[in-house]
């Protein structure tokens, strides 16, 4: 898939940072939701972060741009 508009929006994946996540898999055919520092390992469509320290780190990294 070449663009965001081609991502199937009827399939979603919620990805965490825990040990159960397959870290070898970098592509998901659908919308990806990630939390906290997952942005260091892969890009996600929607990044969710409630912790102020992680928010600071994410903004400082330039990831939101």
C-alpha atoms as a PDB file:
ATOM      1  CA  UNK A   1       0.000   0.000   0.000  1.00  0.00           C
ATOM      2  CA  UNK A   2       1.385   3.328  -1.007  1.00  0.00           C
ATOM      3  CA  UNK A   3      -0.659   5.913   0.835  1.00  0.00           C
ATOM      4  CA  UNK A   4      -2.601   6.446   4.017  1.00  0.00           C
ATOM      5  CA  UNK A   5      -5.856   6.442   2.041  1.00  0.00           C
ATOM      6  CA  UNK A   6      -5.193   2.833   0.981  1.00  0.00           C
ATOM      7  CA  UNK A   7      -5.018   1.530   4.557  1.00  0.00           C
ATOM      8  CA  UNK A   8      -8.071  -0.643   5.235  1.00  0.00           C
ATOM      9  CA  UNK A   9      -9.947   1.154   7.994  1.00  0.00           C
ATOM     10  CA  UNK A  10     -12.115  -1.797   8.954  1.00  0.00           C
ATOM     11  CA  UNK A  11      -9.136  -3.635  10.474  1.00  0.00           C
ATOM     12  CA  UNK A  12      -7.341  -2.294  13.541  1.00  0.00           C
ATOM     13  CA  UNK A  13      -4.400  -3.362  15.662  1.00  0.00           C
ATOM     14  CA  UNK A  14      -3.692  -2.139  19.180  1.00  0.00           C
ATOM     15  CA  UNK A  15       0.018  -2.547  19.822  1.00  0.00           C
ATOM     16  CA  UNK A  16       1.642  -2.387  23.215  1.00  0.00           C
ATOM     17  CA  UNK A  17       5.213  -2.313  24.433  1.00  0.00           C
ATOM     18  CA  UNK A  18       5.111  -5.559  26.402  1.00  0.00           C
ATOM     19  CA  UNK A  19       7.049  -8.769  25.819  1.00  0.00           C
ATOM     20  CA  UNK A  20       4.125 -10.517  24.093  1.00  0.00           C
ATOM     21  CA  UNK A  21       4.309  -8.265  21.006  1.00  0.00           C
ATOM     22  CA  UNK A  22       6.144  -9.737  18.019  1.00  0.00           C
ATOM     23  CA  UNK A  23       8.920  -7.171  17.499  1.00  0.00           C
ATOM     24  CA  UNK A  24       9.895  -8.703  14.149  1.00  0.00           C
ATOM     25  CA  UNK A  25       6.586  -7.681  12.592  1.00  0.00           C
ATOM     26  CA  UNK A  26       6.799  -4.097  11.326  1.00  0.00           C
ATOM     27  CA  UNK A  27       3.816  -3.937   8.959  1.00  0.00           C
ATOM     28  CA  UNK A  28       0.141  -4.421   9.756  1.00  0.00           C
ATOM     29  CA  UNK A  29      -2.576  -4.383   7.084  1.00  0.00           C
ATOM     30  CA  UNK A  30      -4.928  -1.955   8.816  1.00  0.00           C
ATOM     31  CA  UNK A  31      -4.989   0.981  11.207  1.00  0.00           C
ATOM     32  CA  UNK A  32      -2.394   0.707  13.967  1.00  0.00           C
ATOM     33  CA  UNK A  33      -2.804   2.171  17.434  1.00  0.00           C
ATOM     34  CA  UNK A  34       0.274   2.296  19.624  1.00  0.00           C
ATOM     35  CA  UNK A  35       1.145   3.566  23.053  1.00  0.00           C
ATOM     36  CA  UNK A  36       4.013   5.377  24.727  1.00  0.00           C
ATOM     37  CA  UNK A  37       7.463   4.583  23.331  1.00  0.00           C
ATOM     38  CA  UNK A  38       6.406   2.257  20.507  1.00  0.00           C
ATOM     39  CA  UNK A  39       7.267   5.119  18.137  1.00  0.00           C
ATOM     40  CA  UNK A  40      10.940   4.293  18.750  1.00  0.00           C
ATOM     41  CA  UNK A  41      10.457   0.868  17.149  1.00  0.00           C
ATOM     42  CA  UNK A  42       7.914   1.512  14.394  1.00  0.00           C
ATOM     43  CA  UNK A  43       5.496   4.063  12.982  1.00  0.00           C
ATOM     44  CA  UNK A  44       1.857   3.771  13.985  1.00  0.00           C
ATOM     45  CA  UNK A  45      -1.205   5.549  12.602  1.00  0.00           C
ATOM     46  CA  UNK A  46      -2.345   6.792  16.008  1.00  0.00           C
ATOM     47  CA  UNK A  47      -0.029   7.190  18.990  1.00  0.00           C
ATOM     48  CA  UNK A  48      -1.627   7.373  22.429  1.00  0.00           C
ATOM     49  CA  UNK A  49       0.275   8.655  25.416  1.00  0.00           C
ATOM     50  CA  UNK A  50      -1.103   9.749  28.778  1.00  0.00           C
ATOM     51  CA  UNK A  51       2.177   9.982  30.711  1.00  0.00           C
ATOM     52  CA  UNK A  52       3.626  13.516  30.785  1.00  0.00           C
ATOM     53  CA  UNK A  53       7.249  12.309  30.630  1.00  0.00           C
ATOM     54  CA  UNK A  54       6.582  10.118  27.565  1.00  0.00           C
ATOM     55  CA  UNK A  55       4.688  13.017  25.964  1.00  0.00           C
ATOM     56  CA  UNK A  56       7.725  15.242  26.435  1.00  0.00           C
ATOM     57  CA  UNK A  57      10.034  12.612  24.940  1.00  0.00           C
ATOM     58  CA  UNK A  58       7.734  12.069  21.931  1.00  0.00           C
ATOM     59  CA  UNK A  59       7.445  15.801  21.195  1.00  0.00           C
ATOM     60  CA  UNK A  60      11.193  16.335  21.667  1.00  0.00           C
ATOM     61  CA  UNK A  61      11.955  13.495  19.239  1.00  0.00           C
ATOM     62  CA  UNK A  62      10.059  15.242  16.435  1.00  0.00           C
ATOM     63  CA  UNK A  63       7.827  12.206  15.904  1.00  0.00           C
ATOM     64  CA  UNK A  64       4.569  14.210  15.740  1.00  0.00           C
ATOM     65  CA  UNK A  65       5.879  16.114  12.718  1.00  0.00           C
END
